Amino acid sequence: NLKTVLEAIVPKQTYSVQLEALDSNASPFIITQPEFMRRMKEMSQSGGGGMFGMGNMPEMYNLVVNTNSDLASSILNTEDKTHQEHLVKQALDLAKLSQGLLKGEELTAFVKRSFETLK
């Protein structure tokens, strides 16, 4: 089961994994922020809603996985657990990069890992 595989690798405290059958040409992994979290964060940044203490709440994102993508099939059909984990982490980092969420050490590690795959 694809969702079980992904949830074992993707950090649960940050991402809620959702499977969606999107166009096969759409991105395999898409990160979105739940509307509720986004609004609460905006309110706390603008000074309103400070009593909720949302400013120090952990970031929560939805990880939408396109079940029609070749990558989703590759992840599901890979027997090698190490390779499977590598595929998921690389795809997650690409999705984070596309949203401007990949920074610092994570970004450095991603770039290094990407160059290693080109060898």
PDB file of N, CA and C in Angstrom:
ATOM      1  N   ASN A   1       0.839  -1.178   0.000  1.00  0.00           N
ATOM      2  CA  ASN A   1       0.000   0.000   0.000  1.00  0.00           C
ATOM      3  C   ASN A   1       0.886   1.243   0.000  1.00  0.00           C
ATOM      4  N   LEU A   2       0.699   2.108  -0.970  1.00  0.00           N
ATOM      5  CA  LEU A   2       1.540   3.290  -1.162  1.00  0.00           C
ATOM      6  C   LEU A   2       1.519   4.220   0.051  1.00  0.00           C
ATOM      7  N   LYS A   3       0.336   4.455   0.607  1.00  0.00           N
ATOM      8  CA  LYS A   3       0.224   5.373   1.747  1.00  0.00           C
ATOM      9  C   LYS A   3       1.035   4.866   2.942  1.00  0.00           C
ATOM     10  N   THR A   4       0.986   3.571   3.207  1.00  0.00           N
ATOM     11  CA  THR A   4       1.735   2.976   4.314  1.00  0.00           C
ATOM     12  C   THR A   4       3.233   3.154   4.109  1.00  0.00           C
ATOM     13  N   VAL A   5       3.693   2.910   2.884  1.00  0.00           N
ATOM     14  CA  VAL A   5       5.109   3.062   2.547  1.00  0.00           C
ATOM     15  C   VAL A   5       5.548   4.507   2.783  1.00  0.00           C
ATOM     16  N   LEU A   6       4.762   5.452   2.278  1.00  0.00           N
ATOM     17  CA  LEU A   6       5.112   6.873   2.410  1.00  0.00           C
ATOM     18  C   LEU A   6       5.092   7.328   3.861  1.00  0.00           C
ATOM     19  N   GLU A   7       4.077   6.914   4.607  1.00  0.00           N
ATOM     20  CA  GLU A   7       3.962   7.347   6.005  1.00  0.00           C
ATOM     21  C   GLU A   7       5.085   6.798   6.874  1.00  0.00           C
ATOM     22  N   ALA A   8       5.709   5.693   6.446  1.00  0.00           N
ATOM     23  CA  ALA A   8       6.835   5.138   7.192  1.00  0.00           C
ATOM     24  C   ALA A   8       8.103   5.978   6.985  1.00  0.00           C
ATOM     25  N   ILE A   9       8.156   6.731   5.892  1.00  0.00           N
ATOM     26  CA  ILE A   9       9.359   7.491   5.536  1.00  0.00           C
ATOM     27  C   ILE A   9       9.193   8.993   5.792  1.00  0.00           C
ATOM     28  N   VAL A  10       8.037   9.527   5.453  1.00  0.00           N
ATOM     29  CA  VAL A  10       7.768  10.964   5.566  1.00  0.00           C
ATOM     30  C   VAL A  10       7.475  11.318   7.033  1.00  0.00           C
ATOM     31  N   PRO A  11       8.086  12.397   7.557  1.00  0.00           N
ATOM     32  CA  PRO A  11       7.848  12.770   8.963  1.00  0.00           C
ATOM     33  C   PRO A  11       6.373  13.097   9.241  1.00  0.00           C
ATOM     34  N   LYS A  12       5.748  12.293  10.108  1.00  0.00           N
ATOM     35  CA  LYS A  12       4.314  12.444  10.420  1.00  0.00           C
ATOM     36  C   LYS A  12       3.990  13.751  11.130  1.00  0.00           C
ATOM     37  N   GLN A  13       4.953  14.257  11.927  1.00  0.00           N
ATOM     38  CA  GLN A  13       4.666  15.479  12.680  1.00  0.00           C
ATOM     39  C   GLN A  13       4.605  16.714  11.789  1.00  0.00           C
ATOM     40  N   THR A  14       5.075  16.592  10.551  1.00  0.00           N
ATOM     41  CA  THR A  14       5.085  17.732   9.635  1.00  0.00           C
ATOM     42  C   THR A  14       4.142  17.560   8.448  1.00  0.00           C
ATOM     43  N   TYR A  15       3.980  16.314   7.984  1.00  0.00           N
ATOM     44  CA  TYR A  15       3.210  16.089   6.760  1.00  0.00           C
ATOM     45  C   TYR A  15       2.049  15.124   6.952  1.00  0.00           C
ATOM     46  N   SER A  16       0.939  15.500   6.358  1.00  0.00           N
ATOM     47  CA  SER A  16      -0.214  14.610   6.284  1.00  0.00           C
ATOM     48  C   SER A  16      -0.244  14.101   4.839  1.00  0.00           C
ATOM     49  N   VAL A  17      -0.028  12.801   4.659  1.00  0.00           N
ATOM     50  CA  VAL A  17       0.051  12.222   3.318  1.00  0.00           C
ATOM     51  C   VAL A  17      -1.352  12.011   2.747  1.00  0.00           C
ATOM     52  N   GLN A  18      -1.569  12.521   1.537  1.00  0.00           N
ATOM     53  CA  GLN A  18      -2.844  12.350   0.852  1.00  0.00           C
ATOM     54  C   GLN A  18      -2.574  11.831  -0.548  1.00  0.00           C
ATOM     55  N   LEU A  19      -3.283  10.796  -0.937  1.00  0.00           N
ATOM     56  CA  LEU A  19      -3.130  10.251  -2.285  1.00  0.00           C
ATOM     57  C   LEU A  19      -4.232  10.812  -3.170  1.00  0.00           C
ATOM     58  N   GLU A  20      -3.840  11.315  -4.342  1.00  0.00           N
ATOM     59  CA  GLU A  20      -4.822  11.830  -5.284  1.00  0.00           C
ATOM     60  C   GLU A  20      -4.460  11.380  -6.693  1.00  0.00           C
ATOM     61  N   ALA A  21      -5.463  11.011  -7.453  1.00  0.00           N
ATOM     62  CA  ALA A  21      -5.256  10.626  -8.850  1.00  0.00           C
ATOM     63  C   ALA A  21      -5.320  11.893  -9.702  1.00  0.00           C
ATOM     64  N   LEU A  22      -4.155  12.468  -9.941  1.00  0.00           N
ATOM     65  CA  LEU A  22      -4.065  13.689 -10.746  1.00  0.00           C
ATOM     66  C   LEU A  22      -3.623  13.319 -12.157  1.00  0.00           C
ATOM     67  N   ASP A  23      -3.532  14.310 -13.024  1.00  0.00           N
ATOM     68  CA  ASP A  23      -3.045  14.094 -14.378  1.00  0.00           C
ATOM     69  C   ASP A  23      -1.650  13.469 -14.307  1.00  0.00           C
ATOM     70  N   SER A  24      -1.367  12.515 -15.182  1.00  0.00           N
ATOM     71  CA  SER A  24      -0.067  11.838 -15.131  1.00  0.00           C
ATOM     72  C   SER A  24       1.103  12.791 -15.408  1.00  0.00           C
ATOM     73  N   ASN A  25       0.820  13.947 -16.008  1.00  0.00           N
ATOM     74  CA  ASN A  25       1.875  14.939 -16.249  1.00  0.00           C
ATOM     75  C   ASN A  25       2.061  15.910 -15.087  1.00  0.00           C
ATOM     76  N   ALA A  26       1.179  15.862 -14.107  1.00  0.00           N
ATOM     77  CA  ALA A  26       1.300  16.745 -12.942  1.00  0.00           C
ATOM     78  C   ALA A  26       2.455  16.276 -12.059  1.00  0.00           C
ATOM     79  N   SER A  27       2.906  17.135 -11.164  1.00  0.00           N
ATOM     80  CA  SER A  27       4.002  16.774 -10.260  1.00  0.00           C
ATOM     81  C   SER A  27       3.643  15.542  -9.436  1.00  0.00           C
ATOM     82  N   PRO A  28       4.630  14.663  -9.209  1.00  0.00           N
ATOM     83  CA  PRO A  28       4.358  13.460  -8.413  1.00  0.00           C
ATOM     84  C   PRO A  28       4.092  13.786  -6.939  1.00  0.00           C
ATOM     85  N   PHE A  29       4.824  14.764  -6.378  1.00  0.00           N
ATOM     86  CA  PHE A  29       4.646  15.177  -4.985  1.00  0.00           C
ATOM     87  C   PHE A  29       4.346  16.667  -4.975  1.00  0.00           C
ATOM     88  N   ILE A  30       3.289  17.060  -4.270  1.00  0.00           N
ATOM     89  CA  ILE A  30       2.931  18.474  -4.165  1.00  0.00           C
ATOM     90  C   ILE A  30       2.701  18.790  -2.692  1.00  0.00           C
ATOM     91  N   ILE A  31       3.332  19.854  -2.217  1.00  0.00           N
ATOM     92  CA  ILE A  31       3.149  20.251  -0.816  1.00  0.00           C
ATOM     93  C   ILE A  31       2.205  21.438  -0.768  1.00  0.00           C
ATOM     94  N   THR A  32       1.192  21.332   0.079  1.00  0.00           N
ATOM     95  CA  THR A  32       0.281  22.447   0.289  1.00  0.00           C
ATOM     96  C   THR A  32       0.164  22.677   1.787  1.00  0.00           C
ATOM     97  N   GLN A  33      -0.193  23.892   2.155  1.00  0.00           N
ATOM     98  CA  GLN A  33      -0.416  24.165   3.571  1.00  0.00           C
ATOM     99  C   GLN A  33      -1.917  24.211   3.798  1.00  0.00           C
ATOM    100  N   PRO A  34      -2.396  23.488   4.818  1.00  0.00           N
ATOM    101  CA  PRO A  34      -3.834  23.525   5.081  1.00  0.00           C
ATOM    102  C   PRO A  34      -4.290  24.969   5.293  1.00  0.00           C
ATOM    103  N   GLU A  35      -5.422  25.308   4.725  1.00  0.00           N
ATOM    104  CA  GLU A  35      -5.950  26.674   4.785  1.00  0.00           C
ATOM    105  C   GLU A  35      -6.064  27.173   6.225  1.00  0.00           C
ATOM    106  N   PHE A  36      -6.525  26.322   7.116  1.00  0.00           N
ATOM    107  CA  PHE A  36      -6.679  26.685   8.517  1.00  0.00           C
ATOM    108  C   PHE A  36      -5.344  27.129   9.123  1.00  0.00           C
ATOM    109  N   MET A  37      -4.296  26.325   8.892  1.00  0.00           N
ATOM    110  CA  MET A  37      -2.970  26.644   9.440  1.00  0.00           C
ATOM    111  C   MET A  37      -2.440  27.947   8.847  1.00  0.00           C
ATOM    112  N   ARG A  38      -2.629  28.118   7.548  1.00  0.00           N
ATOM    113  CA  ARG A  38      -2.133  29.317   6.883  1.00  0.00           C
ATOM    114  C   ARG A  38      -2.793  30.566   7.455  1.00  0.00           C
ATOM    115  N   ARG A  39      -4.112  30.497   7.632  1.00  0.00           N
ATOM    116  CA  ARG A  39      -4.840  31.655   8.171  1.00  0.00           C
ATOM    117  C   ARG A  39      -4.451  31.964   9.604  1.00  0.00           C
ATOM    118  N   MET A  40      -4.320  30.934  10.427  1.00  0.00           N
ATOM    119  CA  MET A  40      -3.937  31.140  11.815  1.00  0.00           C
ATOM    120  C   MET A  40      -2.551  31.765  11.909  1.00  0.00           C
ATOM    121  N   LYS A  41      -1.635  31.310  11.062  1.00  0.00           N
ATOM    122  CA  LYS A  41      -0.280  31.861  11.048  1.00  0.00           C
ATOM    123  C   LYS A  41      -0.305  33.333  10.648  1.00  0.00           C
ATOM    124  N   GLU A  42      -1.093  33.650   9.607  1.00  0.00           N
ATOM    125  CA  GLU A  42      -1.206  35.040   9.168  1.00  0.00           C
ATOM    126  C   GLU A  42      -1.772  35.910  10.284  1.00  0.00           C
ATOM    127  N   MET A  43      -2.789  35.409  10.974  1.00  0.00           N
ATOM    128  CA  MET A  43      -3.396  36.171  12.070  1.00  0.00           C
ATOM    129  C   MET A  43      -2.391  36.427  13.186  1.00  0.00           C
ATOM    130  N   SER A  44      -1.624  35.406  13.543  1.00  0.00           N
ATOM    131  CA  SER A  44      -0.674  35.582  14.636  1.00  0.00           C
ATOM    132  C   SER A  44       0.458  36.522  14.235  1.00  0.00           C
ATOM    133  N   GLN A  45       0.814  36.529  12.928  1.00  0.00           N
ATOM    134  CA  GLN A  45       1.873  37.419  12.450  1.00  0.00           C
ATOM    135  C   GLN A  45       1.393  38.867  12.421  1.00  0.00           C
ATOM    136  N   SER A  46       0.096  39.057  12.185  1.00  0.00           N
ATOM    137  CA  SER A  46      -0.417  40.423  12.104  1.00  0.00           C
ATOM    138  C   SER A  46      -0.821  40.964  13.473  1.00  0.00           C
ATOM    139  N   GLY A  47      -0.584  40.177  14.511  1.00  0.00           N
ATOM    140  CA  GLY A  47      -0.862  40.661  15.866  1.00  0.00           C
ATOM    141  C   GLY A  47      -2.193  40.187  16.414  1.00  0.00           C
ATOM    142  N   GLY A  48      -3.105  39.778  15.562  1.00  0.00           N
ATOM    143  CA  GLY A  48      -4.393  39.272  16.033  1.00  0.00           C
ATOM    144  C   GLY A  48      -4.284  37.806  16.371  1.00  0.00           C
ATOM    145  N   GLY A  49      -5.147  37.332  17.211  1.00  0.00           N
ATOM    146  CA  GLY A  49      -5.170  35.905  17.531  1.00  0.00           C
ATOM    147  C   GLY A  49      -3.944  35.430  18.273  1.00  0.00           C
ATOM    148  N   GLY A  50      -3.225  36.368  18.901  1.00  0.00           N
ATOM    149  CA  GLY A  50      -2.018  36.008  19.639  1.00  0.00           C
ATOM    150  C   GLY A  50      -2.310  35.103  20.822  1.00  0.00           C
ATOM    151  N   MET A  51      -3.518  35.199  21.340  1.00  0.00           N
ATOM    152  CA  MET A  51      -3.847  34.408  22.528  1.00  0.00           C
ATOM    153  C   MET A  51      -3.881  32.906  22.227  1.00  0.00           C
ATOM    154  N   PHE A  52      -3.973  32.563  20.952  1.00  0.00           N
ATOM    155  CA  PHE A  52      -3.983  31.141  20.595  1.00  0.00           C
ATOM    156  C   PHE A  52      -2.580  30.544  20.610  1.00  0.00           C
ATOM    157  N   GLY A  53      -1.563  31.391  20.584  1.00  0.00           N
ATOM    158  CA  GLY A  53      -0.188  30.912  20.574  1.00  0.00           C
ATOM    159  C   GLY A  53       0.154  30.136  19.320  1.00  0.00           C
ATOM    160  N   MET A  54      -0.453  30.496  18.195  1.00  0.00           N
ATOM    161  CA  MET A  54      -0.226  29.767  16.943  1.00  0.00           C
ATOM    162  C   MET A  54       1.166  30.036  16.375  1.00  0.00           C
ATOM    163  N   GLY A  55       1.787  31.125  16.798  1.00  0.00           N
ATOM    164  CA  GLY A  55       3.100  31.479  16.259  1.00  0.00           C
ATOM    165  C   GLY A  55       4.138  30.404  16.502  1.00  0.00           C
ATOM    166  N   ASN A  56       4.014  29.706  17.652  1.00  0.00           N
ATOM    167  CA  ASN A  56       5.007  28.679  17.935  1.00  0.00           C
ATOM    168  C   ASN A  56       4.464  27.271  17.712  1.00  0.00           C
ATOM    169  N   MET A  57       3.381  27.175  16.970  1.00  0.00           N
ATOM    170  CA  MET A  57       2.850  25.875  16.617  1.00  0.00           C
ATOM    171  C   MET A  57       3.707  25.295  15.492  1.00  0.00           C
ATOM    172  N   PRO A  58       3.935  23.985  15.486  1.00  0.00           N
ATOM    173  CA  PRO A  58       4.773  23.427  14.415  1.00  0.00           C
ATOM    174  C   PRO A  58       4.103  23.583  13.048  1.00  0.00           C
ATOM    175  N   GLU A  59       4.943  23.702  12.035  1.00  0.00           N
ATOM    176  CA  GLU A  59       4.420  23.800  10.667  1.00  0.00           C
ATOM    177  C   GLU A  59       3.755  22.479  10.301  1.00  0.00           C
ATOM    178  N   MET A  60       2.597  22.551   9.672  1.00  0.00           N
ATOM    179  CA  MET A  60       1.921  21.353   9.183  1.00  0.00           C
ATOM    180  C   MET A  60       1.629  21.551   7.702  1.00  0.00           C
ATOM    181  N   TYR A  61       1.902  20.530   6.925  1.00  0.00           N
ATOM    182  CA  TYR A  61       1.661  20.605   5.492  1.00  0.00           C
ATOM    183  C   TYR A  61       0.958  19.345   5.022  1.00  0.00           C
ATOM    184  N   ASN A  62       0.258  19.469   3.906  1.00  0.00           N
ATOM    185  CA  ASN A  62      -0.303  18.300   3.240  1.00  0.00           C
ATOM    186  C   ASN A  62       0.698  17.896   2.165  1.00  0.00           C
ATOM    187  N   LEU A  63       0.999  16.620   2.110  1.00  0.00           N
ATOM    188  CA  LEU A  63       1.823  16.101   1.028  1.00  0.00           C
ATOM    189  C   LEU A  63       0.881  15.338   0.115  1.00  0.00           C
ATOM    190  N   VAL A  64       0.590  15.941  -1.044  1.00  0.00           N
ATOM    191  CA  VAL A  64      -0.314  15.312  -2.008  1.00  0.00           C
ATOM    192  C   VAL A  64       0.546  14.490  -2.966  1.00  0.00           C
ATOM    193  N   VAL A  65       0.280  13.189  -3.012  1.00  0.00           N
ATOM    194  CA  VAL A  65       1.040  12.299  -3.884  1.00  0.00           C
ATOM    195  C   VAL A  65       0.149  11.903  -5.055  1.00  0.00           C
ATOM    196  N   ASN A  66       0.639  12.199  -6.252  1.00  0.00           N
ATOM    197  CA  ASN A  66      -0.094  11.898  -7.481  1.00  0.00           C
ATOM    198  C   ASN A  66       0.038  10.408  -7.794  1.00  0.00           C
ATOM    199  N   THR A  67      -1.037   9.666  -7.576  1.00  0.00           N
ATOM    200  CA  THR A  67      -0.997   8.209  -7.773  1.00  0.00           C
ATOM    201  C   THR A  67      -0.870   7.817  -9.247  1.00  0.00           C
ATOM    202  N   ASN A  68      -1.120   8.755 -10.158  1.00  0.00           N
ATOM    203  CA  ASN A  68      -0.971   8.466 -11.589  1.00  0.00           C
ATOM    204  C   ASN A  68       0.439   8.749 -12.107  1.00  0.00           C
ATOM    205  N   SER A  69       1.330   9.188 -11.225  1.00  0.00           N
ATOM    206  CA  SER A  69       2.689   9.493 -11.676  1.00  0.00           C
ATOM    207  C   SER A  69       3.527   8.219 -11.750  1.00  0.00           C
ATOM    208  N   ASP A  70       4.506   8.248 -12.637  1.00  0.00           N
ATOM    209  CA  ASP A  70       5.428   7.115 -12.761  1.00  0.00           C
ATOM    210  C   ASP A  70       6.199   6.918 -11.459  1.00  0.00           C
ATOM    211  N   LEU A  71       6.497   8.028 -10.790  1.00  0.00           N
ATOM    212  CA  LEU A  71       7.257   7.950  -9.550  1.00  0.00           C
ATOM    213  C   LEU A  71       6.484   7.183  -8.467  1.00  0.00           C
ATOM    214  N   ALA A  72       5.193   7.431  -8.361  1.00  0.00           N
ATOM    215  CA  ALA A  72       4.373   6.715  -7.376  1.00  0.00           C
ATOM    216  C   ALA A  72       4.432   5.213  -7.643  1.00  0.00           C
ATOM    217  N   SER A  73       4.367   4.836  -8.906  1.00  0.00           N
ATOM    218  CA  SER A  73       4.469   3.407  -9.279  1.00  0.00           C
ATOM    219  C   SER A  73       5.841   2.854  -8.930  1.00  0.00           C
ATOM    220  N   SER A  74       6.885   3.626  -9.224  1.00  0.00           N
ATOM    221  CA  SER A  74       8.252   3.189  -8.920  1.00  0.00           C
ATOM    222  C   SER A  74       8.430   2.965  -7.417  1.00  0.00           C
ATOM    223  N   ILE A  75       7.932   3.916  -6.615  1.00  0.00           N
ATOM    224  CA  ILE A  75       8.047   3.804  -5.159  1.00  0.00           C
ATOM    225  C   ILE A  75       7.335   2.541  -4.674  1.00  0.00           C
ATOM    226  N   LEU A  76       6.136   2.343  -5.161  1.00  0.00           N
ATOM    227  CA  LEU A  76       5.337   1.201  -4.721  1.00  0.00           C
ATOM    228  C   LEU A  76       5.937  -0.138  -5.163  1.00  0.00           C
ATOM    229  N   ASN A  77       6.516  -0.178  -6.358  1.00  0.00           N
ATOM    230  CA  ASN A  77       7.011  -1.435  -6.913  1.00  0.00           C
ATOM    231  C   ASN A  77       8.472  -1.742  -6.610  1.00  0.00           C
ATOM    232  N   THR A  78       9.157  -0.840  -5.897  1.00  0.00           N
ATOM    233  CA  THR A  78      10.563  -1.069  -5.567  1.00  0.00           C
ATOM    234  C   THR A  78      10.668  -2.012  -4.376  1.00  0.00           C
ATOM    235  N   GLU A  79      11.388  -3.110  -4.581  1.00  0.00           N
ATOM    236  CA  GLU A  79      11.576  -4.100  -3.507  1.00  0.00           C
ATOM    237  C   GLU A  79      12.638  -3.622  -2.516  1.00  0.00           C
ATOM    238  N   ASP A  80      13.663  -2.949  -3.030  1.00  0.00           N
ATOM    239  CA  ASP A  80      14.786  -2.486  -2.227  1.00  0.00           C
ATOM    240  C   ASP A  80      14.347  -1.313  -1.342  1.00  0.00           C
ATOM    241  N   LYS A  81      14.273  -1.548  -0.032  1.00  0.00           N
ATOM    242  CA  LYS A  81      13.778  -0.530   0.915  1.00  0.00           C
ATOM    243  C   LYS A  81      14.658   0.719   0.934  1.00  0.00           C
ATOM    244  N   THR A  82      15.975   0.544   0.793  1.00  0.00           N
ATOM    245  CA  THR A  82      16.897   1.682   0.794  1.00  0.00           C
ATOM    246  C   THR A  82      16.634   2.570  -0.418  1.00  0.00           C
ATOM    247  N   HIS A  83      16.461   1.930  -1.577  1.00  0.00           N
ATOM    248  CA  HIS A  83      16.184   2.682  -2.806  1.00  0.00           C
ATOM    249  C   HIS A  83      14.811   3.364  -2.712  1.00  0.00           C
ATOM    250  N   GLN A  84      13.858   2.658  -2.145  1.00  0.00           N
ATOM    251  CA  GLN A  84      12.502   3.196  -1.969  1.00  0.00           C
ATOM    252  C   GLN A  84      12.554   4.467  -1.108  1.00  0.00           C
ATOM    253  N   GLU A  85      13.286   4.398  -0.007  1.00  0.00           N
ATOM    254  CA  GLU A  85      13.428   5.549   0.889  1.00  0.00           C
ATOM    255  C   GLU A  85      14.128   6.703   0.174  1.00  0.00           C
ATOM    256  N   HIS A  86      15.142   6.374  -0.625  1.00  0.00           N
ATOM    257  CA  HIS A  86      15.867   7.394  -1.390  1.00  0.00           C
ATOM    258  C   HIS A  86      14.918   8.110  -2.362  1.00  0.00           C
ATOM    259  N   LEU A  87      14.079   7.347  -3.061  1.00  0.00           N
ATOM    260  CA  LEU A  87      13.121   7.938  -4.008  1.00  0.00           C
ATOM    261  C   LEU A  87      12.166   8.893  -3.296  1.00  0.00           C
ATOM    262  N   VAL A  88      11.642   8.453  -2.152  1.00  0.00           N
ATOM    263  CA  VAL A  88      10.679   9.272  -1.403  1.00  0.00           C
ATOM    264  C   VAL A  88      11.346  10.549  -0.898  1.00  0.00           C
ATOM    265  N   LYS A  89      12.530  10.418  -0.308  1.00  0.00           N
ATOM    266  CA  LYS A  89      13.222  11.598   0.234  1.00  0.00           C
ATOM    267  C   LYS A  89      13.584  12.589  -0.862  1.00  0.00           C
ATOM    268  N   GLN A  90      14.039  12.065  -2.001  1.00  0.00           N
ATOM    269  CA  GLN A  90      14.412  12.947  -3.116  1.00  0.00           C
ATOM    270  C   GLN A  90      13.175  13.687  -3.639  1.00  0.00           C
ATOM    271  N   ALA A  91      12.065  12.971  -3.788  1.00  0.00           N
ATOM    272  CA  ALA A  91      10.831  13.585  -4.291  1.00  0.00           C
ATOM    273  C   ALA A  91      10.287  14.599  -3.282  1.00  0.00           C
ATOM    274  N   LEU A  92      10.362  14.258  -1.988  1.00  0.00           N
ATOM    275  CA  LEU A  92       9.899  15.181  -0.947  1.00  0.00           C
ATOM    276  C   LEU A  92      10.745  16.456  -0.960  1.00  0.00           C
ATOM    277  N   ASP A  93      12.070  16.287  -1.082  1.00  0.00           N
ATOM    278  CA  ASP A  93      12.952  17.455  -1.134  1.00  0.00           C
ATOM    279  C   ASP A  93      12.685  18.312  -2.364  1.00  0.00           C
ATOM    280  N   LEU A  94      12.393  17.684  -3.502  1.00  0.00           N
ATOM    281  CA  LEU A  94      12.054  18.456  -4.704  1.00  0.00           C
ATOM    282  C   LEU A  94      10.761  19.254  -4.487  1.00  0.00           C
ATOM    283  N   ALA A  95       9.779  18.621  -3.850  1.00  0.00           N
ATOM    284  CA  ALA A  95       8.515  19.311  -3.561  1.00  0.00           C
ATOM    285  C   ALA A  95       8.760  20.471  -2.598  1.00  0.00           C
ATOM    286  N   LYS A  96       9.612  20.236  -1.589  1.00  0.00           N
ATOM    287  CA  LYS A  96       9.941  21.305  -0.635  1.00  0.00           C
ATOM    288  C   LYS A  96      10.665  22.446  -1.344  1.00  0.00           C
ATOM    289  N   LEU A  97      11.587  22.091  -2.239  1.00  0.00           N
ATOM    290  CA  LEU A  97      12.344  23.085  -2.994  1.00  0.00           C
ATOM    291  C   LEU A  97      11.401  23.954  -3.824  1.00  0.00           C
ATOM    292  N   SER A  98      10.394  23.328  -4.437  1.00  0.00           N
ATOM    293  CA  SER A  98       9.456  24.071  -5.281  1.00  0.00           C
ATOM    294  C   SER A  98       8.602  25.047  -4.469  1.00  0.00           C
ATOM    295  N   GLN A  99       8.481  24.802  -3.171  1.00  0.00           N
ATOM    296  CA  GLN A  99       7.689  25.685  -2.308  1.00  0.00           C
ATOM    297  C   GLN A  99       8.575  26.633  -1.482  1.00  0.00           C
ATOM    298  N   GLY A 100       9.884  26.594  -1.715  1.00  0.00           N
ATOM    299  CA  GLY A 100      10.808  27.443  -0.961  1.00  0.00           C
ATOM    300  C   GLY A 100      10.968  26.987   0.485  1.00  0.00           C
ATOM    301  N   LEU A 101      10.750  25.695   0.752  1.00  0.00           N
ATOM    302  CA  LEU A 101      10.826  25.172   2.114  1.00  0.00           C
ATOM    303  C   LEU A 101      12.127  24.424   2.392  1.00  0.00           C
ATOM    304  N   LEU A 102      12.961  24.269   1.375  1.00  0.00           N
ATOM    305  CA  LEU A 102      14.208  23.524   1.547  1.00  0.00           C
ATOM    306  C   LEU A 102      15.327  24.528   1.790  1.00  0.00           C
ATOM    307  N   LYS A 103      15.891  24.505   3.009  1.00  0.00           N
ATOM    308  CA  LYS A 103      16.886  25.512   3.377  1.00  0.00           C
ATOM    309  C   LYS A 103      18.020  24.882   4.172  1.00  0.00           C
ATOM    310  N   GLY A 104      19.107  25.619   4.305  1.00  0.00           N
ATOM    311  CA  GLY A 104      20.208  25.221   5.186  1.00  0.00           C
ATOM    312  C   GLY A 104      20.785  23.860   4.884  1.00  0.00           C
ATOM    313  N   GLU A 105      20.975  23.075   5.954  1.00  0.00           N
ATOM    314  CA  GLU A 105      21.599  21.756   5.833  1.00  0.00           C
ATOM    315  C   GLU A 105      20.803  20.821   4.932  1.00  0.00           C
ATOM    316  N   GLU A 106      19.476  20.920   5.005  1.00  0.00           N
ATOM    317  CA  GLU A 106      18.636  20.063   4.160  1.00  0.00           C
ATOM    318  C   GLU A 106      18.906  20.329   2.683  1.00  0.00           C
ATOM    319  N   LEU A 107      19.048  21.606   2.346  1.00  0.00           N
ATOM    320  CA  LEU A 107      19.318  21.996   0.954  1.00  0.00           C
ATOM    321  C   LEU A 107      20.694  21.497   0.521  1.00  0.00           C
ATOM    322  N   THR A 108      21.683  21.669   1.382  1.00  0.00           N
ATOM    323  CA  THR A 108      23.042  21.209   1.083  1.00  0.00           C
ATOM    324  C   THR A 108      23.062  19.699   0.851  1.00  0.00           C
ATOM    325  N   ALA A 109      22.378  18.949   1.725  1.00  0.00           N
ATOM    326  CA  ALA A 109      22.321  17.492   1.609  1.00  0.00           C
ATOM    327  C   ALA A 109      21.611  17.075   0.321  1.00  0.00           C
ATOM    328  N   PHE A 110      20.554  17.802  -0.026  1.00  0.00           N
ATOM    329  CA  PHE A 110      19.804  17.508  -1.249  1.00  0.00           C
ATOM    330  C   PHE A 110      20.686  17.694  -2.485  1.00  0.00           C
ATOM    331  N   VAL A 111      21.409  18.806  -2.532  1.00  0.00           N
ATOM    332  CA  VAL A 111      22.276  19.093  -3.679  1.00  0.00           C
ATOM    333  C   VAL A 111      23.354  18.014  -3.792  1.00  0.00           C
ATOM    334  N   LYS A 112      23.959  17.654  -2.672  1.00  0.00           N
ATOM    335  CA  LYS A 112      25.002  16.617  -2.662  1.00  0.00           C
ATOM    336  C   LYS A 112      24.434  15.285  -3.163  1.00  0.00           C
ATOM    337  N   ARG A 113      23.254  14.917  -2.639  1.00  0.00           N
ATOM    338  CA  ARG A 113      22.604  13.663  -3.034  1.00  0.00           C
ATOM    339  C   ARG A 113      22.265  13.678  -4.528  1.00  0.00           C
ATOM    340  N   SER A 114      21.826  14.825  -5.023  1.00  0.00           N
ATOM    341  CA  SER A 114      21.466  14.948  -6.443  1.00  0.00           C
ATOM    342  C   SER A 114      22.688  14.750  -7.332  1.00  0.00           C
ATOM    343  N   PHE A 115      23.813  15.332  -6.940  1.00  0.00           N
ATOM    344  CA  PHE A 115      25.035  15.158  -7.729  1.00  0.00           C
ATOM    345  C   PHE A 115      25.491  13.706  -7.712  1.00  0.00           C
ATOM    346  N   GLU A 116      25.326  13.026  -6.560  1.00  0.00           N
ATOM    347  CA  GLU A 116      25.743  11.624  -6.454  1.00  0.00           C
ATOM    348  C   GLU A 116      24.938  10.728  -7.388  1.00  0.00           C
ATOM    349  N   THR A 117      23.665  11.071  -7.611  1.00  0.00           N
ATOM    350  CA  THR A 117      22.840  10.252  -8.501  1.00  0.00           C
ATOM    351  C   THR A 117      23.246  10.421  -9.966  1.00  0.00           C
ATOM    352  N   LEU A 118      23.969  11.503 -10.259  1.00  0.00           N
ATOM    353  CA  LEU A 118      24.391  11.765 -11.636  1.00  0.00           C
ATOM    354  C   LEU A 118      25.654  11.001 -12.009  1.00  0.00           C
ATOM    355  N   LYS A 119      26.354  10.446 -11.032  1.00  0.00           N
ATOM    356  CA  LYS A 119      27.601   9.721 -11.303  1.00  0.00           C
ATOM    357  C   LYS A 119      27.361   8.489 -12.139  1.00  0.00           C
TER     358      LYS A 119
END
